[in-house]
Amino acid sequence: MIRVLVVDDEWMVRAMLRTILQAADDISVVAEAPDGTDAVDQARRHHPDVALVDIRMPGTDGLSATTALGRLPHPPKVVVLTTFDLDEYVRTALRNGAVGFLLKDATGEEMIAAVRAAHAGDAMLSPRITRRLLDTFARDSEPGTTEPAQAEAQQRLLALTLKEREVLQALADGLTNADIARRLHLSEATVKTHISRILTKLELTNRVQAAILAHRAGLNR
C-alpha cells in the first residue's frame, strides 16, 4: 500500500485529493496538512511514501516544505501541485528535490499515476507541459552563457556509457521505466540499475534533474 500525505491550504482541495486517491486500491491517504510546517510534523508521525504538496500556501509554502521533507531521515517522494504550468516556484521545487510536477486540473487518473510513478522512482511531469518545462530549464541561464552551459552539460555526460546515454535520452523524453524498457528492449530492473548509475555518475538527486541536464546538453533534440 502506498502511503500518501496531502498538503494544501484549502480543505476542499485536500478532500478532493483524498477521495480521488483512495479510489485506488493500492493507495492510502494517511495524513493531511494545511501548510509546510504541519506537513513536516505529519510526515514525521506517519512516514508517508509520497507527499502531494501545493506550492502556493500561506505561512510555510511548498518550496520550504519540499526542502524540509527532503531532510527527514525517511523522506517521502514529493510531487508538487500547482495551478500554473510554468510557475517559477515549481522550477525551484524541482531543483530542491521534488520528483514530480502535476497541475491541479489533472484528471484523477493522472493524479493516481503521479503517486504510483513517484513511489516507483519515476518522474511524473504533467504530460501537457513536460517539453515546455524542460525547454525553460534549458534556457534558464544568464544571457550569453547558453553555449558554455551546454558545453558543461555535454562534458558531464562523457562519464556515461553508450547504454546509459540511451537510457538518459529516453528518460529525458519523459518515458517511465516501463516505457524505457520497451523502447530499449531491457527489463525494468535493468533500467532502474542504469538510472541509479546515471544519477550517481552525474551527482544528481533524481531523474527530473537528469532529464534537465540531458535537455541542456541537447541529448534529446
N, C-alpha and C. Protein backbone atom coordinates (compact mmCIF):
# COMPACT_ATOMS: atom_id res chain seq x y z
N MET A 1 0.84 -1.20 0.00
CA MET A 1 0.00 0.00 0.00
C MET A 1 0.88 1.25 0.00
N ILE A 2 0.61 2.18 -0.90
CA ILE A 2 1.36 3.42 -0.98
C ILE A 2 0.74 4.43 -0.02
N ARG A 3 1.54 4.90 0.93
CA ARG A 3 1.08 5.83 1.96
C ARG A 3 1.32 7.27 1.48
N VAL A 4 0.24 8.08 1.49
CA VAL A 4 0.31 9.42 0.90
C VAL A 4 -0.04 10.50 1.93
N LEU A 5 0.71 11.59 1.89
CA LEU A 5 0.43 12.80 2.66
C LEU A 5 -0.04 13.87 1.68
N VAL A 6 -1.18 14.50 1.95
CA VAL A 6 -1.73 15.55 1.10
C VAL A 6 -1.56 16.89 1.80
N VAL A 7 -0.90 17.84 1.11
CA VAL A 7 -0.60 19.14 1.71
C VAL A 7 -1.18 20.25 0.84
N ASP A 8 -2.19 20.96 1.35
CA ASP A 8 -2.81 22.07 0.63
C ASP A 8 -3.55 22.93 1.65
N ASP A 9 -3.52 24.25 1.47
CA ASP A 9 -4.15 25.13 2.45
C ASP A 9 -5.67 25.14 2.34
N GLU A 10 -6.22 24.62 1.24
CA GLU A 10 -7.67 24.60 1.07
C GLU A 10 -8.22 23.22 1.43
N TRP A 11 -9.12 23.18 2.39
CA TRP A 11 -9.63 21.89 2.86
C TRP A 11 -10.42 21.17 1.78
N MET A 12 -11.08 21.93 0.89
CA MET A 12 -11.85 21.29 -0.17
C MET A 12 -10.93 20.57 -1.16
N VAL A 13 -9.77 21.18 -1.42
CA VAL A 13 -8.80 20.53 -2.31
C VAL A 13 -8.27 19.26 -1.67
N ARG A 14 -7.96 19.34 -0.37
CA ARG A 14 -7.47 18.14 0.33
C ARG A 14 -8.51 17.03 0.29
N ALA A 15 -9.78 17.41 0.51
CA ALA A 15 -10.85 16.42 0.49
C ALA A 15 -10.99 15.79 -0.89
N MET A 16 -10.87 16.61 -1.93
CA MET A 16 -10.97 16.11 -3.30
C MET A 16 -9.84 15.13 -3.59
N LEU A 17 -8.62 15.51 -3.21
CA LEU A 17 -7.47 14.65 -3.47
C LEU A 17 -7.59 13.34 -2.71
N ARG A 18 -8.05 13.41 -1.46
CA ARG A 18 -8.23 12.19 -0.67
C ARG A 18 -9.22 11.26 -1.35
N THR A 19 -10.34 11.82 -1.81
CA THR A 19 -11.37 11.00 -2.45
C THR A 19 -10.84 10.34 -3.73
N ILE A 20 -10.11 11.12 -4.54
CA ILE A 20 -9.57 10.60 -5.79
C ILE A 20 -8.56 9.49 -5.52
N LEU A 21 -7.62 9.76 -4.63
CA LEU A 21 -6.52 8.82 -4.41
C LEU A 21 -6.99 7.53 -3.75
N GLN A 22 -7.91 7.65 -2.80
CA GLN A 22 -8.34 6.44 -2.08
C GLN A 22 -9.29 5.59 -2.90
N ALA A 23 -9.65 6.06 -4.10
CA ALA A 23 -10.41 5.21 -5.01
C ALA A 23 -9.52 4.12 -5.59
N ALA A 24 -8.19 4.32 -5.51
CA ALA A 24 -7.24 3.32 -5.98
C ALA A 24 -6.99 2.31 -4.86
N ASP A 25 -6.99 1.03 -5.20
CA ASP A 25 -6.88 0.02 -4.15
C ASP A 25 -5.47 -0.14 -3.59
N ASP A 26 -4.49 0.56 -4.18
CA ASP A 26 -3.12 0.44 -3.69
C ASP A 26 -2.61 1.73 -3.05
N ILE A 27 -3.52 2.69 -2.79
CA ILE A 27 -3.13 3.98 -2.22
C ILE A 27 -3.95 4.28 -0.98
N SER A 28 -3.28 4.77 0.06
CA SER A 28 -3.97 5.18 1.28
C SER A 28 -3.47 6.56 1.70
N VAL A 29 -4.39 7.51 1.87
CA VAL A 29 -4.02 8.83 2.37
C VAL A 29 -3.93 8.75 3.88
N VAL A 30 -2.72 8.80 4.41
CA VAL A 30 -2.52 8.59 5.85
C VAL A 30 -2.54 9.88 6.65
N ALA A 31 -2.43 11.04 5.97
CA ALA A 31 -2.44 12.31 6.70
C ALA A 31 -2.68 13.47 5.73
N GLU A 32 -3.13 14.60 6.30
CA GLU A 32 -3.31 15.83 5.56
C GLU A 32 -2.66 16.96 6.34
N ALA A 33 -2.28 18.03 5.63
CA ALA A 33 -1.69 19.19 6.30
C ALA A 33 -2.06 20.45 5.54
N PRO A 34 -2.32 21.57 6.25
CA PRO A 34 -2.70 22.82 5.59
C PRO A 34 -1.52 23.72 5.23
N ASP A 35 -0.32 23.37 5.70
CA ASP A 35 0.86 24.17 5.36
C ASP A 35 2.12 23.33 5.52
N GLY A 36 3.25 23.94 5.15
CA GLY A 36 4.50 23.19 5.15
C GLY A 36 4.97 22.76 6.52
N THR A 37 4.76 23.59 7.52
CA THR A 37 5.19 23.24 8.87
C THR A 37 4.47 22.00 9.37
N ASP A 38 3.15 21.99 9.21
CA ASP A 38 2.36 20.83 9.64
C ASP A 38 2.69 19.62 8.78
N ALA A 39 3.03 19.84 7.52
CA ALA A 39 3.38 18.73 6.63
C ALA A 39 4.58 17.97 7.16
N VAL A 40 5.59 18.68 7.62
CA VAL A 40 6.78 18.02 8.17
C VAL A 40 6.42 17.25 9.43
N ASP A 41 5.59 17.85 10.30
CA ASP A 41 5.15 17.16 11.51
C ASP A 41 4.39 15.88 11.17
N GLN A 42 3.48 15.97 10.20
CA GLN A 42 2.69 14.80 9.80
C GLN A 42 3.57 13.73 9.17
N ALA A 43 4.58 14.15 8.42
CA ALA A 43 5.48 13.19 7.79
C ALA A 43 6.29 12.46 8.83
N ARG A 44 6.74 13.17 9.85
CA ARG A 44 7.48 12.52 10.94
C ARG A 44 6.60 11.49 11.65
N ARG A 45 5.33 11.82 11.80
CA ARG A 45 4.42 10.97 12.56
C ARG A 45 3.94 9.76 11.76
N HIS A 46 3.67 9.97 10.46
CA HIS A 46 3.02 8.92 9.67
C HIS A 46 3.91 8.23 8.64
N HIS A 47 5.10 8.76 8.38
CA HIS A 47 6.05 8.15 7.44
C HIS A 47 5.43 7.83 6.08
N PRO A 48 4.89 8.85 5.39
CA PRO A 48 4.30 8.61 4.06
C PRO A 48 5.38 8.25 3.04
N ASP A 49 4.97 7.52 2.02
CA ASP A 49 5.88 7.21 0.91
C ASP A 49 5.94 8.37 -0.08
N VAL A 50 4.80 9.05 -0.26
CA VAL A 50 4.68 10.13 -1.24
C VAL A 50 3.94 11.29 -0.60
N ALA A 51 4.38 12.52 -0.89
CA ALA A 51 3.67 13.71 -0.44
C ALA A 51 3.26 14.54 -1.64
N LEU A 52 1.96 14.85 -1.73
CA LEU A 52 1.46 15.79 -2.74
C LEU A 52 1.43 17.16 -2.08
N VAL A 53 2.23 18.08 -2.58
CA VAL A 53 2.43 19.35 -1.89
C VAL A 53 2.08 20.54 -2.79
N ASP A 54 1.13 21.35 -2.32
CA ASP A 54 0.79 22.57 -3.04
C ASP A 54 1.94 23.56 -2.92
N ILE A 55 2.28 24.24 -4.00
CA ILE A 55 3.39 25.19 -3.97
C ILE A 55 3.01 26.47 -3.24
N ARG A 56 1.86 27.03 -3.57
CA ARG A 56 1.50 28.34 -3.03
C ARG A 56 0.57 28.18 -1.83
N MET A 57 1.14 28.36 -0.64
CA MET A 57 0.38 28.28 0.60
C MET A 57 0.84 29.41 1.51
N PRO A 58 -0.08 29.97 2.32
CA PRO A 58 0.33 30.98 3.30
C PRO A 58 1.19 30.32 4.38
N GLY A 59 2.02 31.12 5.03
CA GLY A 59 2.89 30.56 6.05
C GLY A 59 4.06 29.85 5.39
N THR A 60 4.28 28.62 5.78
CA THR A 60 5.36 27.82 5.20
C THR A 60 4.89 27.24 3.88
N ASP A 61 5.44 27.72 2.76
CA ASP A 61 4.94 27.32 1.45
C ASP A 61 5.53 25.98 1.00
N GLY A 62 5.15 25.60 -0.22
CA GLY A 62 5.58 24.31 -0.74
C GLY A 62 7.07 24.20 -0.99
N LEU A 63 7.73 25.32 -1.29
CA LEU A 63 9.17 25.29 -1.50
C LEU A 63 9.90 24.92 -0.23
N SER A 64 9.55 25.59 0.86
CA SER A 64 10.17 25.28 2.14
C SER A 64 9.81 23.87 2.59
N ALA A 65 8.56 23.47 2.34
CA ALA A 65 8.13 22.13 2.73
C ALA A 65 8.91 21.06 1.97
N THR A 66 9.11 21.27 0.67
CA THR A 66 9.86 20.29 -0.13
C THR A 66 11.27 20.11 0.41
N THR A 67 11.92 21.22 0.72
CA THR A 67 13.28 21.16 1.27
C THR A 67 13.29 20.46 2.62
N ALA A 68 12.36 20.84 3.51
CA ALA A 68 12.31 20.26 4.85
C ALA A 68 11.97 18.77 4.82
N LEU A 69 11.04 18.38 3.95
CA LEU A 69 10.68 16.97 3.84
C LEU A 69 11.88 16.14 3.35
N GLY A 70 12.67 16.73 2.46
CA GLY A 70 13.83 16.02 1.95
C GLY A 70 14.91 15.80 2.97
N ARG A 71 14.87 16.53 4.07
CA ARG A 71 15.89 16.39 5.12
C ARG A 71 15.51 15.39 6.19
N LEU A 72 14.30 14.85 6.11
CA LEU A 72 13.87 13.86 7.10
C LEU A 72 14.67 12.57 6.95
N PRO A 73 14.79 11.79 8.03
CA PRO A 73 15.53 10.51 7.95
C PRO A 73 14.96 9.56 6.89
N HIS A 74 13.64 9.57 6.75
CA HIS A 74 12.99 8.74 5.73
C HIS A 74 12.08 9.65 4.90
N PRO A 75 12.66 10.42 3.99
CA PRO A 75 11.88 11.43 3.26
C PRO A 75 10.90 10.83 2.27
N PRO A 76 9.71 11.41 2.19
CA PRO A 76 8.76 10.96 1.16
C PRO A 76 9.17 11.52 -0.19
N LYS A 77 8.70 10.89 -1.26
CA LYS A 77 8.88 11.44 -2.59
C LYS A 77 7.86 12.57 -2.75
N VAL A 78 8.31 13.74 -3.15
CA VAL A 78 7.44 14.91 -3.23
C VAL A 78 6.99 15.16 -4.66
N VAL A 79 5.68 15.24 -4.85
CA VAL A 79 5.08 15.66 -6.11
C VAL A 79 4.43 17.01 -5.85
N VAL A 80 4.87 18.04 -6.54
CA VAL A 80 4.33 19.38 -6.30
C VAL A 80 3.09 19.63 -7.15
N LEU A 81 2.15 20.35 -6.56
CA LEU A 81 0.88 20.68 -7.21
C LEU A 81 0.84 22.18 -7.48
N THR A 82 0.36 22.56 -8.63
CA THR A 82 0.25 23.97 -8.96
C THR A 82 -0.89 24.20 -9.94
N THR A 83 -1.33 25.44 -9.98
CA THR A 83 -2.35 25.85 -10.95
C THR A 83 -1.70 26.31 -12.25
N PHE A 84 -0.43 26.67 -12.17
CA PHE A 84 0.26 27.27 -13.31
C PHE A 84 1.31 26.33 -13.85
N ASP A 85 1.29 26.10 -15.16
CA ASP A 85 2.16 25.08 -15.73
C ASP A 85 3.62 25.50 -15.87
N LEU A 86 3.91 26.80 -15.80
CA LEU A 86 5.31 27.23 -15.83
C LEU A 86 5.62 28.13 -14.64
N ASP A 87 5.05 27.83 -13.51
CA ASP A 87 5.26 28.58 -12.30
C ASP A 87 6.75 28.52 -11.92
N GLU A 88 7.36 29.69 -11.71
CA GLU A 88 8.79 29.72 -11.36
C GLU A 88 9.04 28.98 -10.06
N TYR A 89 8.06 28.93 -9.18
CA TYR A 89 8.25 28.23 -7.92
C TYR A 89 8.34 26.72 -8.12
N VAL A 90 7.66 26.23 -9.13
CA VAL A 90 7.73 24.81 -9.44
C VAL A 90 9.15 24.44 -9.85
N ARG A 91 9.75 25.29 -10.67
CA ARG A 91 11.11 25.03 -11.12
C ARG A 91 12.07 24.97 -9.94
N THR A 92 11.87 25.88 -8.99
CA THR A 92 12.71 25.87 -7.79
C THR A 92 12.46 24.60 -6.98
N ALA A 93 11.21 24.19 -6.87
CA ALA A 93 10.88 22.98 -6.11
C ALA A 93 11.54 21.75 -6.71
N LEU A 94 11.56 21.67 -8.04
CA LEU A 94 12.22 20.54 -8.69
C LEU A 94 13.72 20.54 -8.41
N ARG A 95 14.30 21.73 -8.40
CA ARG A 95 15.72 21.82 -8.06
C ARG A 95 15.96 21.40 -6.60
N ASN A 96 14.97 21.65 -5.75
CA ASN A 96 15.10 21.32 -4.34
C ASN A 96 14.82 19.85 -4.03
N GLY A 97 14.53 19.06 -5.07
CA GLY A 97 14.39 17.63 -4.86
C GLY A 97 13.03 17.03 -5.12
N ALA A 98 12.04 17.84 -5.51
CA ALA A 98 10.74 17.26 -5.85
C ALA A 98 10.91 16.33 -7.05
N VAL A 99 10.17 15.24 -7.06
CA VAL A 99 10.33 14.25 -8.13
C VAL A 99 9.22 14.31 -9.16
N GLY A 100 8.22 15.15 -8.92
CA GLY A 100 7.12 15.22 -9.87
C GLY A 100 6.46 16.58 -9.86
N PHE A 101 5.68 16.83 -10.88
CA PHE A 101 5.04 18.12 -11.10
C PHE A 101 3.68 17.84 -11.72
N LEU A 102 2.63 18.30 -11.07
CA LEU A 102 1.28 17.98 -11.53
C LEU A 102 0.40 19.20 -11.43
N LEU A 103 -0.38 19.46 -12.49
CA LEU A 103 -1.33 20.55 -12.46
C LEU A 103 -2.56 20.15 -11.66
N LYS A 104 -3.14 21.13 -10.96
CA LYS A 104 -4.31 20.84 -10.13
C LYS A 104 -5.53 20.43 -10.95
N ASP A 105 -5.55 20.77 -12.24
CA ASP A 105 -6.68 20.37 -13.05
C ASP A 105 -6.42 19.04 -13.77
N ALA A 106 -5.39 18.30 -13.31
CA ALA A 106 -5.11 16.99 -13.89
C ALA A 106 -6.29 16.06 -13.60
N THR A 107 -6.43 15.04 -14.42
CA THR A 107 -7.51 14.07 -14.21
C THR A 107 -7.19 13.20 -13.00
N GLY A 108 -8.20 12.52 -12.50
CA GLY A 108 -7.99 11.60 -11.40
C GLY A 108 -6.99 10.52 -11.76
N GLU A 109 -7.07 10.04 -12.99
CA GLU A 109 -6.14 9.01 -13.45
C GLU A 109 -4.70 9.52 -13.44
N GLU A 110 -4.51 10.78 -13.84
CA GLU A 110 -3.16 11.37 -13.84
C GLU A 110 -2.63 11.52 -12.42
N MET A 111 -3.51 11.90 -11.49
CA MET A 111 -3.07 12.06 -10.10
C MET A 111 -2.66 10.72 -9.50
N ILE A 112 -3.44 9.70 -9.75
CA ILE A 112 -3.11 8.37 -9.26
C ILE A 112 -1.82 7.88 -9.90
N ALA A 113 -1.68 8.13 -11.20
CA ALA A 113 -0.45 7.73 -11.90
C ALA A 113 0.76 8.46 -11.34
N ALA A 114 0.59 9.74 -10.95
CA ALA A 114 1.70 10.51 -10.39
C ALA A 114 2.19 9.90 -9.09
N VAL A 115 1.24 9.50 -8.24
CA VAL A 115 1.61 8.89 -6.96
C VAL A 115 2.32 7.57 -7.19
N ARG A 116 1.78 6.75 -8.07
CA ARG A 116 2.41 5.45 -8.36
C ARG A 116 3.80 5.64 -8.97
N ALA A 117 3.93 6.60 -9.88
CA ALA A 117 5.21 6.83 -10.53
C ALA A 117 6.25 7.30 -9.53
N ALA A 118 5.87 8.23 -8.67
CA ALA A 118 6.80 8.73 -7.66
C ALA A 118 7.25 7.60 -6.73
N HIS A 119 6.29 6.80 -6.31
CA HIS A 119 6.61 5.68 -5.42
C HIS A 119 7.55 4.69 -6.08
N ALA A 120 7.40 4.51 -7.38
CA ALA A 120 8.23 3.55 -8.12
C ALA A 120 9.59 4.12 -8.52
N GLY A 121 9.78 5.43 -8.25
CA GLY A 121 11.05 6.05 -8.61
C GLY A 121 11.05 6.72 -9.95
N ASP A 122 9.88 6.82 -10.59
CA ASP A 122 9.75 7.50 -11.88
C ASP A 122 9.44 8.98 -11.64
N ALA A 123 9.83 9.81 -12.58
CA ALA A 123 9.41 11.20 -12.56
C ALA A 123 7.99 11.27 -13.10
N MET A 124 7.21 12.20 -12.57
CA MET A 124 5.87 12.40 -13.11
C MET A 124 5.68 13.88 -13.36
N LEU A 125 5.80 14.28 -14.62
CA LEU A 125 5.53 15.64 -15.02
C LEU A 125 4.23 15.64 -15.81
N SER A 126 3.41 16.65 -15.59
CA SER A 126 2.17 16.74 -16.32
C SER A 126 2.47 16.63 -17.81
N PRO A 127 1.88 15.66 -18.52
CA PRO A 127 2.22 15.42 -19.92
C PRO A 127 2.10 16.66 -20.80
N ARG A 128 1.18 17.56 -20.45
CA ARG A 128 0.96 18.73 -21.29
C ARG A 128 2.12 19.72 -21.27
N ILE A 129 2.93 19.68 -20.20
CA ILE A 129 3.95 20.72 -20.07
C ILE A 129 5.37 20.18 -19.91
N THR A 130 5.56 18.88 -20.06
CA THR A 130 6.90 18.32 -19.89
C THR A 130 7.91 19.00 -20.80
N ARG A 131 7.61 19.08 -22.09
CA ARG A 131 8.55 19.68 -23.03
C ARG A 131 8.77 21.16 -22.73
N ARG A 132 7.70 21.89 -22.42
CA ARG A 132 7.85 23.32 -22.13
C ARG A 132 8.69 23.54 -20.88
N LEU A 133 8.51 22.69 -19.88
CA LEU A 133 9.28 22.83 -18.65
C LEU A 133 10.77 22.60 -18.92
N LEU A 134 11.08 21.54 -19.66
CA LEU A 134 12.47 21.25 -19.98
C LEU A 134 13.08 22.35 -20.84
N ASP A 135 12.31 22.88 -21.78
CA ASP A 135 12.79 23.99 -22.60
C ASP A 135 13.14 25.19 -21.72
N THR A 136 12.28 25.45 -20.73
CA THR A 136 12.51 26.58 -19.84
C THR A 136 13.80 26.38 -19.05
N PHE A 137 14.00 25.17 -18.53
CA PHE A 137 15.23 24.89 -17.80
C PHE A 137 16.44 25.04 -18.70
N ALA A 138 16.33 24.57 -19.92
CA ALA A 138 17.47 24.63 -20.85
C ALA A 138 17.86 26.07 -21.14
N ARG A 139 16.87 26.97 -21.15
CA ARG A 139 17.16 28.38 -21.42
C ARG A 139 17.47 29.17 -20.16
N ASP A 140 17.32 28.51 -19.01
CA ASP A 140 17.40 29.21 -17.72
C ASP A 140 18.84 29.48 -17.32
N SER A 141 19.50 30.35 -18.08
CA SER A 141 20.86 30.75 -17.76
C SER A 141 21.01 32.22 -18.09
N GLU A 142 22.07 32.83 -17.64
CA GLU A 142 22.27 34.25 -17.89
C GLU A 142 22.52 34.50 -19.38
N PRO A 143 22.15 35.68 -19.89
CA PRO A 143 22.40 36.00 -21.29
C PRO A 143 23.88 35.82 -21.63
N GLY A 144 24.12 35.16 -22.77
CA GLY A 144 25.48 34.96 -23.20
C GLY A 144 26.15 33.72 -22.66
N THR A 145 25.42 32.94 -21.79
CA THR A 145 26.04 31.77 -21.19
C THR A 145 25.46 30.47 -21.72
N THR A 146 24.63 30.54 -22.74
CA THR A 146 23.97 29.34 -23.23
C THR A 146 24.97 28.31 -23.74
N GLU A 147 25.91 28.75 -24.56
CA GLU A 147 26.88 27.80 -25.11
C GLU A 147 27.76 27.19 -24.03
N PRO A 148 28.33 27.99 -23.09
CA PRO A 148 29.10 27.37 -22.01
C PRO A 148 28.29 26.39 -21.18
N ALA A 149 27.02 26.74 -20.91
CA ALA A 149 26.18 25.84 -20.13
C ALA A 149 25.96 24.53 -20.86
N GLN A 150 25.75 24.60 -22.17
CA GLN A 150 25.56 23.39 -22.95
C GLN A 150 26.86 22.58 -23.00
N ALA A 151 27.98 23.26 -23.17
CA ALA A 151 29.27 22.56 -23.23
C ALA A 151 29.57 21.87 -21.91
N GLU A 152 29.23 22.52 -20.80
CA GLU A 152 29.45 21.92 -19.48
C GLU A 152 28.58 20.68 -19.31
N ALA A 153 27.33 20.78 -19.74
CA ALA A 153 26.42 19.64 -19.63
C ALA A 153 26.92 18.48 -20.48
N GLN A 154 27.36 18.77 -21.69
CA GLN A 154 27.87 17.73 -22.57
C GLN A 154 29.12 17.07 -21.98
N GLN A 155 29.97 17.86 -21.33
CA GLN A 155 31.17 17.32 -20.70
C GLN A 155 30.81 16.35 -19.59
N ARG A 156 29.79 16.68 -18.82
CA ARG A 156 29.37 15.80 -17.72
C ARG A 156 28.86 14.46 -18.25
N LEU A 157 28.20 14.49 -19.41
CA LEU A 157 27.64 13.26 -19.96
C LEU A 157 28.71 12.30 -20.49
N LEU A 158 29.94 12.78 -20.62
CA LEU A 158 31.01 11.91 -21.10
C LEU A 158 31.31 10.77 -20.12
N ALA A 159 30.88 10.94 -18.89
CA ALA A 159 31.10 9.90 -17.87
C ALA A 159 30.20 8.69 -18.09
N LEU A 160 29.20 8.82 -18.95
CA LEU A 160 28.23 7.74 -19.14
C LEU A 160 28.64 6.79 -20.25
N THR A 161 28.23 5.53 -20.11
CA THR A 161 28.42 4.56 -21.18
C THR A 161 27.40 4.83 -22.28
N LEU A 162 27.56 4.18 -23.42
CA LEU A 162 26.61 4.36 -24.52
C LEU A 162 25.21 3.95 -24.09
N LYS A 163 25.09 2.83 -23.41
CA LYS A 163 23.76 2.37 -22.99
C LYS A 163 23.15 3.34 -21.97
N GLU A 164 23.97 3.86 -21.08
CA GLU A 164 23.46 4.82 -20.10
C GLU A 164 22.99 6.10 -20.80
N ARG A 165 23.66 6.50 -21.84
CA ARG A 165 23.21 7.68 -22.60
C ARG A 165 21.87 7.40 -23.29
N GLU A 166 21.69 6.18 -23.78
CA GLU A 166 20.42 5.82 -24.41
C GLU A 166 19.29 5.86 -23.38
N VAL A 167 19.57 5.34 -22.19
CA VAL A 167 18.57 5.37 -21.12
C VAL A 167 18.27 6.81 -20.72
N LEU A 168 19.31 7.63 -20.60
CA LEU A 168 19.12 9.02 -20.22
C LEU A 168 18.30 9.76 -21.28
N GLN A 169 18.56 9.48 -22.55
CA GLN A 169 17.80 10.13 -23.62
C GLN A 169 16.32 9.76 -23.52
N ALA A 170 16.03 8.49 -23.27
CA ALA A 170 14.64 8.05 -23.13
C ALA A 170 14.01 8.69 -21.90
N LEU A 171 14.77 8.79 -20.83
CA LEU A 171 14.28 9.43 -19.61
C LEU A 171 13.94 10.89 -19.89
N ALA A 172 14.82 11.57 -20.64
CA ALA A 172 14.60 12.98 -20.97
C ALA A 172 13.41 13.18 -21.89
N ASP A 173 13.01 12.13 -22.60
CA ASP A 173 11.82 12.19 -23.45
C ASP A 173 10.54 12.04 -22.63
N GLY A 174 10.70 11.87 -21.31
CA GLY A 174 9.56 11.77 -20.43
C GLY A 174 9.01 10.36 -20.24
N LEU A 175 9.79 9.35 -20.61
CA LEU A 175 9.32 7.97 -20.51
C LEU A 175 9.46 7.43 -19.09
N THR A 176 8.55 6.57 -18.71
CA THR A 176 8.65 5.87 -17.44
C THR A 176 9.64 4.72 -17.58
N ASN A 177 9.96 4.07 -16.48
CA ASN A 177 10.86 2.92 -16.53
C ASN A 177 10.32 1.84 -17.46
N ALA A 178 9.02 1.59 -17.39
CA ALA A 178 8.41 0.56 -18.24
C ALA A 178 8.52 0.94 -19.71
N ASP A 179 8.30 2.22 -20.02
CA ASP A 179 8.40 2.69 -21.40
C ASP A 179 9.84 2.58 -21.91
N ILE A 180 10.80 2.94 -21.04
CA ILE A 180 12.21 2.85 -21.42
C ILE A 180 12.59 1.40 -21.69
N ALA A 181 12.10 0.52 -20.84
CA ALA A 181 12.39 -0.90 -21.02
C ALA A 181 11.89 -1.41 -22.36
N ARG A 182 10.68 -0.99 -22.75
CA ARG A 182 10.13 -1.41 -24.03
C ARG A 182 10.92 -0.82 -25.19
N ARG A 183 11.27 0.46 -25.08
CA ARG A 183 12.00 1.11 -26.17
C ARG A 183 13.37 0.46 -26.40
N LEU A 184 14.07 0.16 -25.31
CA LEU A 184 15.44 -0.33 -25.42
C LEU A 184 15.56 -1.84 -25.28
N HIS A 185 14.41 -2.52 -25.18
CA HIS A 185 14.39 -3.98 -25.07
C HIS A 185 15.20 -4.46 -23.86
N LEU A 186 14.91 -3.84 -22.72
CA LEU A 186 15.57 -4.18 -21.46
C LEU A 186 14.50 -4.56 -20.44
N SER A 187 14.91 -5.17 -19.35
CA SER A 187 13.99 -5.40 -18.25
C SER A 187 13.88 -4.12 -17.43
N GLU A 188 12.78 -3.97 -16.68
CA GLU A 188 12.63 -2.78 -15.85
C GLU A 188 13.70 -2.73 -14.78
N ALA A 189 14.09 -3.91 -14.27
CA ALA A 189 15.14 -3.95 -13.25
C ALA A 189 16.45 -3.41 -13.81
N THR A 190 16.75 -3.74 -15.06
CA THR A 190 17.98 -3.24 -15.69
C THR A 190 17.90 -1.74 -15.89
N VAL A 191 16.73 -1.25 -16.28
CA VAL A 191 16.54 0.19 -16.46
C VAL A 191 16.79 0.91 -15.13
N LYS A 192 16.22 0.38 -14.04
CA LYS A 192 16.41 1.00 -12.73
C LYS A 192 17.89 1.04 -12.35
N THR A 193 18.61 -0.04 -12.67
CA THR A 193 20.04 -0.09 -12.37
C THR A 193 20.79 0.98 -13.15
N HIS A 194 20.45 1.10 -14.44
CA HIS A 194 21.10 2.12 -15.27
C HIS A 194 20.82 3.52 -14.73
N ILE A 195 19.58 3.79 -14.36
CA ILE A 195 19.22 5.12 -13.87
C ILE A 195 19.95 5.43 -12.57
N SER A 196 20.04 4.44 -11.70
CA SER A 196 20.78 4.62 -10.45
C SER A 196 22.24 4.99 -10.72
N ARG A 197 22.84 4.30 -11.67
CA ARG A 197 24.24 4.59 -12.02
C ARG A 197 24.39 5.96 -12.67
N ILE A 198 23.41 6.33 -13.50
CA ILE A 198 23.43 7.65 -14.14
C ILE A 198 23.39 8.75 -13.09
N LEU A 199 22.49 8.63 -12.13
CA LEU A 199 22.37 9.65 -11.09
C LEU A 199 23.65 9.74 -10.26
N THR A 200 24.25 8.58 -9.97
CA THR A 200 25.49 8.57 -9.19
C THR A 200 26.63 9.24 -9.97
N LYS A 201 26.78 8.86 -11.23
CA LYS A 201 27.86 9.42 -12.04
C LYS A 201 27.70 10.92 -12.26
N LEU A 202 26.47 11.37 -12.44
CA LEU A 202 26.22 12.78 -12.71
C LEU A 202 26.04 13.60 -11.43
N GLU A 203 26.06 12.91 -10.28
CA GLU A 203 25.92 13.57 -8.98
C GLU A 203 24.60 14.34 -8.89
N LEU A 204 23.52 13.64 -9.27
CA LEU A 204 22.19 14.24 -9.25
C LEU A 204 21.32 13.53 -8.24
N THR A 205 20.25 14.21 -7.82
CA THR A 205 19.36 13.66 -6.80
C THR A 205 18.26 12.80 -7.37
N ASN A 206 17.71 13.20 -8.52
CA ASN A 206 16.57 12.48 -9.07
C ASN A 206 16.54 12.58 -10.59
N ARG A 207 15.64 11.84 -11.19
CA ARG A 207 15.57 11.73 -12.64
C ARG A 207 15.08 13.00 -13.33
N VAL A 208 14.35 13.85 -12.61
CA VAL A 208 13.95 15.12 -13.21
C VAL A 208 15.19 15.96 -13.48
N GLN A 209 16.09 16.01 -12.51
CA GLN A 209 17.34 16.75 -12.70
C GLN A 209 18.15 16.15 -13.84
N ALA A 210 18.13 14.83 -13.95
CA ALA A 210 18.85 14.17 -15.05
C ALA A 210 18.25 14.56 -16.40
N ALA A 211 16.92 14.61 -16.48
CA ALA A 211 16.25 15.00 -17.72
C ALA A 211 16.60 16.43 -18.10
N ILE A 212 16.67 17.30 -17.10
CA ILE A 212 17.03 18.70 -17.35
C ILE A 212 18.45 18.80 -17.90
N LEU A 213 19.37 18.08 -17.28
CA LEU A 213 20.77 18.10 -17.73
C LEU A 213 20.87 17.57 -19.16
N ALA A 214 20.16 16.48 -19.45
CA ALA A 214 20.20 15.91 -20.79
C ALA A 214 19.66 16.89 -21.81
N HIS A 215 18.58 17.58 -21.45
CA HIS A 215 17.98 18.53 -22.38
C HIS A 215 18.93 19.71 -22.60
N ARG A 216 19.56 20.17 -21.53
CA ARG A 216 20.50 21.28 -21.66
C ARG A 216 21.69 20.90 -22.57
N ALA A 217 22.08 19.61 -22.50
CA ALA A 217 23.20 19.14 -23.32
C ALA A 217 22.79 18.89 -24.77
N GLY A 218 21.47 18.94 -25.02
CA GLY A 218 20.99 18.69 -26.38
C GLY A 218 20.85 17.22 -26.72
N LEU A 219 20.84 16.37 -25.70
CA LEU A 219 20.82 14.93 -25.94
C LEU A 219 19.53 14.46 -26.58
N ASN A 220 18.40 15.11 -26.23
CA ASN A 220 17.12 14.63 -26.73
C ASN A 220 16.53 15.56 -27.79
N ARG A 221 17.39 16.20 -28.57
CA ARG A 221 16.90 17.09 -29.63
C ARG A 221 17.12 16.45 -30.98
